Amino acid sequence: MIPSLIALFLITLLVYKFLQHPKFGKTPYGPRLTAIQNSPHYKNGKFENQSFTPDLAEGASFVGVLFEFFFKKVDRKIPTDLIPSVKTNLHELPINQDVLVWFGHSSYFIQLEGKRFLIDPVFSGNASPIPGTTKSFKGADIYTVDDLPEIDYLLITHDHYDHLDYETILKLKSKTKKIITALGVGSHFEFWGFSADSIIEKDWYSTIVLDENLTIHTTPSRHFSGRSFKRCNTLWTSFVLETKDFKMYLGGDSGYDSHFAEIGEKYGPFDVALIDNGQYNEKWKYIHNMPNDVIKAMKDLKAKRVFPVHSSKFALSLHSWDEPLIRVTELNSLSENPIPLITPMIGELVELKNENQVFKQWWKGVR
């Protein structure tokens, strides 16, 4: 009995010590917490989606999901080949060139109207606080922070580990001028040593005028947040990036809901829309788009071209690594009035204002 109690005490102590690591961030407090509590989306001690959003779909259970992940034999293909990529020299890109470079999953770099944006960067090779548990696919991590030029605006959609990576953020500190994110997420950045003056936190449907040529709007998504046991104490968001003659929808993680149509009506049509397409499952369909939802969302947003993201770097669901790209390509081709898809390899240069740019289906043949 005594050895068992000692073992339990030691395990508890180890877990407690592990959770004190700065990677877990900081719970909002003080004036930041007051701003959160004044949000119309903060109710009963946490942020809520616009529609009722259960953690899991009807009939699913957390225990069942864990069992599937760890014990059930699932025919899930993980790439054994290197993920194809192109190494673009970002330091040498002319600043007046309007381009996008994707780093896999939901991380990407944008140059627009002479400004540089970095969205949800994850360069540590891991999408989990537990080292070695959610590693990136081979070949998907060809970029490092050293490959990035100075960043004018770092945009963070929410504080999950596959979007807000502690190791990457620390390395970006000397390169980042401003951070734009949702309510509460700035608490992590301040805890990690960033100046409060460099952080802009906003609620949904806020407008941030960057200069006479560039405006950012914060818009809803249907998801959740949290870096430890407490969930939804920070907000999750998507962004609209707008110039005088060009509009982009930068979608964070989201399940399908009426917010896509609301955003399309209020800010659309969009020249380019980046939409969550990957790591889905029927059991959590309310917080990540299923493939058919992506097709509905791109129509709702009134998008002229669509970049499906949130795939091709980490295995966070039970589907095969290439299924999201295969499914969305097939469903789009079968839909009424298909919308051109942007499907570059990691690192390939996307010309934002070139509607005729053609992309290969690079995932074909990758084992």
Protein backbone atom coordinates (compact mmCIF):
# COMPACT_ATOMS: atom_id res chain seq x y z
CA MET A 1 0.00 0.00 0.00
CA ILE A 2 2.74 2.48 0.97
CA PRO A 3 4.83 1.87 -2.21
CA SER A 4 1.68 2.45 -4.31
CA LEU A 5 0.98 5.74 -2.53
CA ILE A 6 4.58 6.82 -3.01
CA ALA A 7 4.40 5.97 -6.72
CA LEU A 8 1.12 7.89 -7.08
CA PHE A 9 2.64 10.88 -5.28
CA LEU A 10 5.71 10.87 -7.53
CA ILE A 11 3.59 10.63 -10.70
CA THR A 12 1.39 13.49 -9.49
CA LEU A 13 4.48 15.56 -8.70
CA LEU A 14 5.97 14.88 -12.14
CA VAL A 15 2.73 15.86 -13.90
CA TYR A 16 2.51 19.03 -11.80
CA LYS A 17 6.11 19.96 -12.61
CA PHE A 18 5.53 19.26 -16.32
CA LEU A 19 2.46 21.53 -16.38
CA GLN A 20 4.57 24.39 -14.98
CA HIS A 21 6.56 24.53 -18.21
CA PRO A 22 6.16 27.93 -19.91
CA LYS A 23 4.99 26.24 -23.12
CA PHE A 24 1.54 25.93 -21.52
CA GLY A 25 1.24 29.72 -21.48
CA LYS A 26 -0.61 31.90 -19.01
CA THR A 27 -4.27 32.12 -18.07
CA PRO A 28 -5.63 35.65 -18.74
CA TYR A 29 -5.94 37.88 -15.68
CA GLY A 30 -6.23 41.55 -14.70
CA PRO A 31 -7.34 44.07 -17.37
CA ARG A 32 -7.14 41.37 -20.04
CA LEU A 33 -9.59 39.18 -18.12
CA THR A 34 -11.89 42.19 -17.68
CA ALA A 35 -11.90 42.75 -21.45
CA ILE A 36 -12.72 39.07 -21.95
CA GLN A 37 -15.58 39.20 -19.45
CA ASN A 38 -17.05 42.19 -21.33
CA SER A 39 -17.25 40.20 -24.56
CA PRO A 40 -20.77 39.19 -25.64
CA HIS A 41 -19.28 35.80 -26.58
CA TYR A 42 -18.02 35.11 -23.05
CA LYS A 43 -20.69 33.39 -20.96
CA ASN A 44 -20.66 31.27 -17.83
CA GLY A 45 -16.91 31.63 -17.44
CA LYS A 46 -15.87 30.70 -20.98
CA PHE A 47 -16.12 31.74 -24.62
CA GLU A 48 -18.93 30.19 -26.66
CA ASN A 49 -19.55 29.73 -30.36
CA GLN A 50 -22.38 31.51 -32.12
CA SER A 51 -24.28 28.21 -32.31
CA PHE A 52 -24.44 25.46 -29.72
CA THR A 53 -21.30 23.39 -30.33
CA PRO A 54 -20.81 20.12 -28.43
CA ASP A 55 -17.27 18.80 -28.08
CA LEU A 56 -18.29 15.57 -29.77
CA ALA A 57 -21.13 14.63 -32.09
CA GLU A 58 -24.22 12.82 -30.89
CA GLY A 59 -23.48 9.24 -29.77
CA ALA A 60 -19.71 9.79 -29.50
CA SER A 61 -17.74 9.70 -26.25
CA PHE A 62 -14.30 10.85 -25.22
CA VAL A 63 -13.42 7.34 -24.04
CA GLY A 64 -14.53 5.93 -27.40
CA VAL A 65 -12.41 8.43 -29.32
CA LEU A 66 -9.35 7.58 -27.20
CA PHE A 67 -9.96 3.87 -27.77
CA GLU A 68 -10.09 4.38 -31.54
CA PHE A 69 -6.86 6.37 -31.53
CA PHE A 70 -4.81 4.02 -29.40
CA PHE A 71 -6.30 0.54 -29.68
CA LYS A 72 -8.58 0.11 -32.70
CA LYS A 73 -6.96 -1.05 -35.92
CA VAL A 74 -7.62 1.74 -38.43
CA ASP A 75 -6.56 1.73 -42.08
CA ARG A 76 -4.87 5.12 -41.92
CA LYS A 77 -2.10 5.89 -44.40
CA ILE A 78 0.87 7.85 -43.06
CA PRO A 79 3.38 8.96 -45.75
CA THR A 80 6.59 6.95 -45.87
CA ASP A 81 7.98 9.05 -48.74
CA LEU A 82 9.23 12.57 -48.20
CA ILE A 83 6.46 15.16 -48.59
CA PRO A 84 7.32 17.03 -51.84
CA SER A 85 8.42 20.61 -51.33
CA VAL A 86 10.14 23.62 -52.89
CA LYS A 87 12.54 25.88 -50.98
CA THR A 88 11.73 29.49 -51.89
CA ASN A 89 14.21 32.09 -50.66
CA LEU A 90 11.92 34.38 -48.68
CA HIS A 91 14.71 36.84 -47.90
CA GLU A 92 15.13 37.64 -51.59
CA LEU A 93 11.45 38.11 -52.47
CA PRO A 94 10.85 41.66 -53.79
CA ILE A 95 8.69 43.41 -51.18
CA ASN A 96 6.26 44.62 -53.87
CA GLN A 97 5.49 41.04 -54.94
CA ASP A 98 2.06 39.89 -53.65
CA VAL A 99 2.59 36.24 -52.82
CA LEU A 100 1.82 33.43 -50.38
CA VAL A 101 4.07 30.57 -49.28
CA TRP A 102 2.58 27.62 -47.41
CA PHE A 103 4.59 25.70 -44.79
CA GLY A 104 2.14 22.81 -44.42
CA HIS A 105 -0.88 22.43 -42.13
CA SER A 106 -2.17 25.96 -41.37
CA SER A 107 1.13 27.86 -41.39
CA TYR A 108 1.85 30.32 -44.17
CA PHE A 109 3.62 33.54 -45.14
CA ILE A 110 1.99 36.40 -47.06
CA GLN A 111 3.42 39.46 -48.76
CA LEU A 112 0.75 41.99 -49.65
CA GLU A 113 0.92 45.74 -50.31
CA GLY A 114 4.52 45.89 -49.12
CA LYS A 115 3.86 44.19 -45.76
CA ARG A 116 4.85 40.74 -44.53
CA PHE A 117 2.41 38.55 -42.62
CA LEU A 118 3.02 35.21 -40.89
CA ILE A 119 0.06 33.08 -39.86
CA ASP A 120 0.04 30.30 -37.23
CA PRO A 121 3.70 29.25 -37.68
CA VAL A 122 4.77 25.82 -36.41
CA PHE A 123 8.42 25.01 -37.20
CA SER A 124 9.34 22.82 -34.21
CA GLY A 125 8.33 19.59 -35.94
CA ASN A 126 5.77 18.82 -33.24
CA ALA A 127 2.10 19.72 -32.72
CA SER A 128 1.79 18.61 -29.12
CA PRO A 129 3.15 19.74 -25.74
CA ILE A 130 4.46 16.19 -25.22
CA PRO A 131 7.72 15.83 -27.19
CA GLY A 132 7.71 13.25 -29.96
CA THR A 133 3.99 12.46 -29.85
CA THR A 134 2.68 14.40 -32.86
CA LYS A 135 5.64 14.74 -35.18
CA SER A 136 5.50 16.32 -38.62
CA PHE A 137 5.72 14.10 -41.69
CA LYS A 138 9.14 13.58 -43.23
CA GLY A 139 9.97 16.43 -45.58
CA ALA A 140 7.25 18.74 -44.24
CA ASP A 141 9.67 20.78 -42.11
CA ILE A 142 12.09 22.23 -44.66
CA TYR A 143 11.67 25.78 -43.29
CA THR A 144 12.96 27.25 -40.05
CA VAL A 145 12.57 30.66 -38.45
CA ASP A 146 15.97 31.58 -39.91
CA ASP A 147 14.42 31.31 -43.38
CA LEU A 148 11.97 34.12 -42.59
CA PRO A 149 12.55 37.83 -43.16
CA GLU A 150 11.36 40.40 -40.62
CA ILE A 151 7.61 40.01 -40.02
CA ASP A 152 5.36 43.08 -39.87
CA TYR A 153 2.32 41.22 -38.53
CA LEU A 154 2.16 37.81 -36.86
CA LEU A 155 -1.45 36.54 -36.96
CA ILE A 156 -2.54 33.80 -34.55
CA THR A 157 -6.03 32.32 -34.97
CA HIS A 158 -6.11 30.48 -31.62
CA ASP A 159 -3.88 28.94 -28.99
CA HIS A 160 -3.87 25.23 -29.85
CA TYR A 161 -0.41 23.70 -30.20
CA ASP A 162 -0.68 23.08 -33.95
CA HIS A 163 -1.26 26.85 -34.41
CA LEU A 164 0.64 28.49 -31.55
CA ASP A 165 4.01 26.79 -31.17
CA TYR A 166 6.05 27.87 -28.16
CA GLU A 167 9.47 27.04 -29.63
CA THR A 168 8.73 28.83 -32.89
CA ILE A 169 7.29 31.90 -31.18
CA LEU A 170 10.35 32.36 -28.95
CA LYS A 171 12.63 32.30 -32.02
CA LEU A 172 10.39 34.84 -33.77
CA LYS A 173 10.60 37.41 -30.96
CA SER A 174 13.38 39.46 -32.53
CA LYS A 175 11.78 39.33 -36.00
CA THR A 176 8.19 40.27 -35.16
CA LYS A 177 6.91 43.85 -35.07
CA LYS A 178 3.23 43.31 -34.17
CA ILE A 179 1.03 40.40 -33.12
CA ILE A 180 -2.66 40.30 -34.01
CA THR A 181 -4.81 37.68 -32.31
CA ALA A 182 -8.08 37.01 -30.50
CA LEU A 183 -9.05 38.03 -26.97
CA GLY A 184 -6.94 36.44 -24.26
CA VAL A 185 -4.24 34.89 -26.47
CA GLY A 186 -1.95 37.84 -25.78
CA SER A 187 -1.56 36.53 -22.23
CA HIS A 188 0.68 33.77 -23.56
CA PHE A 189 2.81 36.22 -25.52
CA GLU A 190 3.34 38.53 -22.55
CA PHE A 191 4.25 35.54 -20.39
CA TRP A 192 6.82 34.57 -23.04
CA GLY A 193 8.43 38.01 -22.93
CA PHE A 194 6.72 39.98 -25.67
CA SER A 195 5.94 43.64 -25.05
CA ALA A 196 2.28 44.44 -24.35
CA ASP A 197 2.60 47.29 -26.86
CA SER A 198 3.30 44.78 -29.63
CA ILE A 199 0.09 42.80 -29.06
CA ILE A 200 -3.31 43.58 -30.59
CA GLU A 201 -6.18 41.44 -29.26
CA LYS A 202 -9.67 41.72 -30.65
CA ASP A 203 -13.15 40.25 -30.39
CA TRP A 204 -15.05 39.00 -33.45
CA TYR A 205 -16.17 41.61 -35.98
CA SER A 206 -13.47 44.11 -35.03
CA THR A 207 -11.56 46.20 -37.58
CA ILE A 208 -7.86 47.03 -37.44
CA VAL A 209 -6.61 49.63 -39.91
CA LEU A 210 -2.95 48.85 -40.58
CA ASP A 211 -2.32 51.69 -43.03
CA GLU A 212 -4.12 53.44 -45.91
CA ASN A 213 -3.79 50.29 -48.05
CA LEU A 214 -4.41 47.46 -45.58
CA THR A 215 -7.19 46.54 -43.16
CA ILE A 216 -7.77 43.43 -41.06
CA HIS A 217 -11.16 42.31 -39.76
CA THR A 218 -11.52 39.62 -37.09
CA THR A 219 -14.34 37.20 -37.87
CA PRO A 220 -15.93 34.17 -36.15
CA SER A 221 -15.04 30.52 -36.51
CA ARG A 222 -16.66 27.49 -34.90
CA HIS A 223 -14.04 25.89 -32.71
CA PHE A 224 -12.61 26.04 -29.17
CA SER A 225 -9.34 26.89 -27.40
CA GLY A 226 -7.07 25.90 -24.54
CA ARG A 227 -3.50 24.79 -23.85
CA SER A 228 -4.10 22.73 -20.70
CA PHE A 229 -7.13 21.37 -18.85
CA LYS A 230 -9.08 24.64 -18.93
CA ARG A 231 -10.81 25.17 -22.26
CA CYS A 232 -12.26 28.21 -23.96
CA ASN A 233 -10.66 30.81 -21.70
CA THR A 234 -9.25 32.51 -24.82
CA LEU A 235 -11.07 33.27 -28.06
CA TRP A 236 -10.57 31.66 -31.49
CA THR A 237 -10.92 33.64 -34.70
CA SER A 238 -10.56 33.89 -38.45
CA PHE A 239 -9.36 36.98 -40.32
CA VAL A 240 -10.26 39.04 -43.35
CA LEU A 241 -7.27 40.76 -44.96
CA GLU A 242 -8.39 43.57 -47.24
CA THR A 243 -6.79 46.09 -49.61
CA LYS A 244 -8.52 48.56 -51.89
CA ASP A 245 -8.87 45.99 -54.66
CA PHE A 246 -8.19 42.59 -53.07
CA LYS A 247 -9.72 40.48 -50.27
CA MET A 248 -8.52 37.34 -48.52
CA TYR A 249 -10.32 35.15 -46.00
CA LEU A 250 -7.83 33.57 -43.60
CA GLY A 251 -9.82 30.85 -41.91
CA GLY A 252 -8.70 29.33 -38.64
CA ASP A 253 -9.95 25.95 -37.50
CA SER A 254 -13.71 25.71 -37.84
CA GLY A 255 -16.66 23.45 -38.21
CA TYR A 256 -19.37 24.40 -40.68
CA ASP A 257 -22.00 26.89 -39.55
CA SER A 258 -23.85 30.03 -40.59
CA HIS A 259 -20.83 32.25 -39.91
CA PHE A 260 -19.39 31.45 -43.35
CA ALA A 261 -22.44 32.94 -45.05
CA GLU A 262 -22.41 35.90 -42.65
CA ILE A 263 -18.78 36.64 -43.46
CA GLY A 264 -19.37 36.20 -47.18
CA GLU A 265 -22.29 38.62 -47.06
CA LYS A 266 -20.51 41.21 -44.91
CA TYR A 267 -17.02 41.13 -46.45
CA GLY A 268 -17.16 39.07 -49.65
CA PRO A 269 -16.66 38.23 -52.37
CA PHE A 270 -13.14 37.01 -51.66
CA ASP A 271 -10.37 36.77 -54.21
CA VAL A 272 -8.73 34.02 -52.14
CA ALA A 273 -10.10 32.02 -49.19
CA LEU A 274 -8.09 29.67 -46.99
CA ILE A 275 -10.41 27.09 -45.43
CA ASP A 276 -9.86 24.38 -42.80
CA ASN A 277 -9.78 21.03 -44.67
CA GLY A 278 -8.22 18.22 -42.73
CA GLN A 279 -8.02 16.46 -39.35
CA TYR A 280 -11.77 15.93 -39.55
CA ASN A 281 -13.93 13.12 -38.23
CA GLU A 282 -17.67 12.56 -37.95
CA LYS A 283 -17.22 12.40 -34.18
CA TRP A 284 -15.96 16.03 -34.05
CA LYS A 285 -17.73 17.40 -37.12
CA TYR A 286 -18.90 20.51 -35.27
CA ILE A 287 -15.37 21.87 -34.79
CA HIS A 288 -13.66 20.85 -38.07
CA ASN A 289 -15.11 20.98 -41.56
CA MET A 290 -15.93 17.66 -43.16
CA PRO A 291 -14.98 17.58 -46.90
CA ASN A 292 -18.52 18.39 -48.08
CA ASP A 293 -18.58 21.29 -45.59
CA VAL A 294 -15.57 22.84 -47.32
CA ILE A 295 -17.54 22.95 -50.57
CA LYS A 296 -20.48 24.62 -48.82
CA ALA A 297 -18.19 27.08 -47.02
CA MET A 298 -16.40 28.20 -50.18
CA LYS A 299 -19.76 28.94 -51.82
CA ASP A 300 -21.02 30.76 -48.71
CA LEU A 301 -17.89 32.90 -48.63
CA LYS A 302 -18.31 33.83 -52.31
CA ALA A 303 -14.72 32.82 -52.95
CA LYS A 304 -13.14 33.12 -56.38
CA ARG A 305 -10.26 30.78 -55.47
CA VAL A 306 -9.87 28.49 -52.47
CA PHE A 307 -6.79 27.19 -50.69
CA PRO A 308 -7.66 24.10 -48.58
CA VAL A 309 -5.34 24.03 -45.53
CA HIS A 310 -4.92 22.16 -42.23
CA SER A 311 -3.47 19.04 -43.85
CA SER A 312 -0.27 17.40 -45.15
CA LYS A 313 1.98 17.89 -42.11
CA PHE A 314 0.54 16.21 -38.99
CA ALA A 315 -1.70 13.20 -38.34
CA LEU A 316 -4.29 14.61 -35.93
CA SER A 317 -7.20 12.47 -37.08
CA LEU A 318 -7.83 8.92 -38.27
CA HIS A 319 -8.08 9.61 -42.00
CA SER A 320 -5.18 9.01 -44.40
CA TRP A 321 -2.77 11.91 -44.78
CA ASP A 322 -3.80 12.65 -48.40
CA GLU A 323 -7.56 12.09 -48.01
CA PRO A 324 -8.42 15.78 -47.39
CA LEU A 325 -6.86 16.90 -50.68
CA ILE A 326 -8.30 13.95 -52.62
CA ARG A 327 -11.81 14.45 -51.26
CA VAL A 328 -12.01 18.23 -51.63
CA THR A 329 -10.64 18.03 -55.19
CA GLU A 330 -13.18 15.38 -56.19
CA LEU A 331 -16.15 17.05 -54.50
CA ASN A 332 -15.29 20.42 -55.95
CA SER A 333 -15.04 19.00 -59.49
CA LEU A 334 -18.48 17.39 -59.08
CA SER A 335 -20.12 20.49 -57.61
CA GLU A 336 -22.14 23.03 -59.56
CA ASN A 337 -19.79 25.82 -60.72
CA PRO A 338 -16.51 24.41 -59.35
CA ILE A 339 -14.18 26.98 -57.79
CA PRO A 340 -10.46 26.94 -58.75
CA LEU A 341 -8.37 25.37 -55.99
CA ILE A 342 -4.95 26.55 -54.85
CA THR A 343 -2.96 23.41 -54.01
CA PRO A 344 0.78 24.21 -53.92
CA MET A 345 3.54 22.06 -52.56
CA ILE A 346 5.06 23.25 -49.31
CA GLY A 347 7.24 26.24 -50.18
CA GLU A 348 5.85 26.77 -53.68
CA LEU A 349 5.21 30.42 -54.56
CA VAL A 350 1.51 31.30 -54.87
CA GLU A 351 0.86 34.45 -56.89
CA LEU A 352 -2.05 36.00 -55.04
CA LYS A 353 -3.39 38.09 -57.91
CA ASN A 354 -2.78 35.58 -60.70
CA GLU A 355 -6.13 33.84 -61.17
CA ASN A 356 -4.68 31.66 -63.95
CA GLN A 357 -1.90 30.05 -61.92
CA VAL A 358 -2.09 26.26 -62.22
CA PHE A 359 -1.04 23.77 -59.53
CA LYS A 360 -0.19 20.09 -59.81
CA GLN A 361 -1.90 17.46 -57.71
CA TRP A 362 1.44 16.83 -56.04
CA TRP A 363 0.10 14.33 -53.50
CA LYS A 364 -0.57 11.74 -56.19
CA GLY A 365 2.00 8.98 -56.11
CA VAL A 366 3.34 9.88 -52.67
CA ARG A 367 3.39 6.66 -50.65
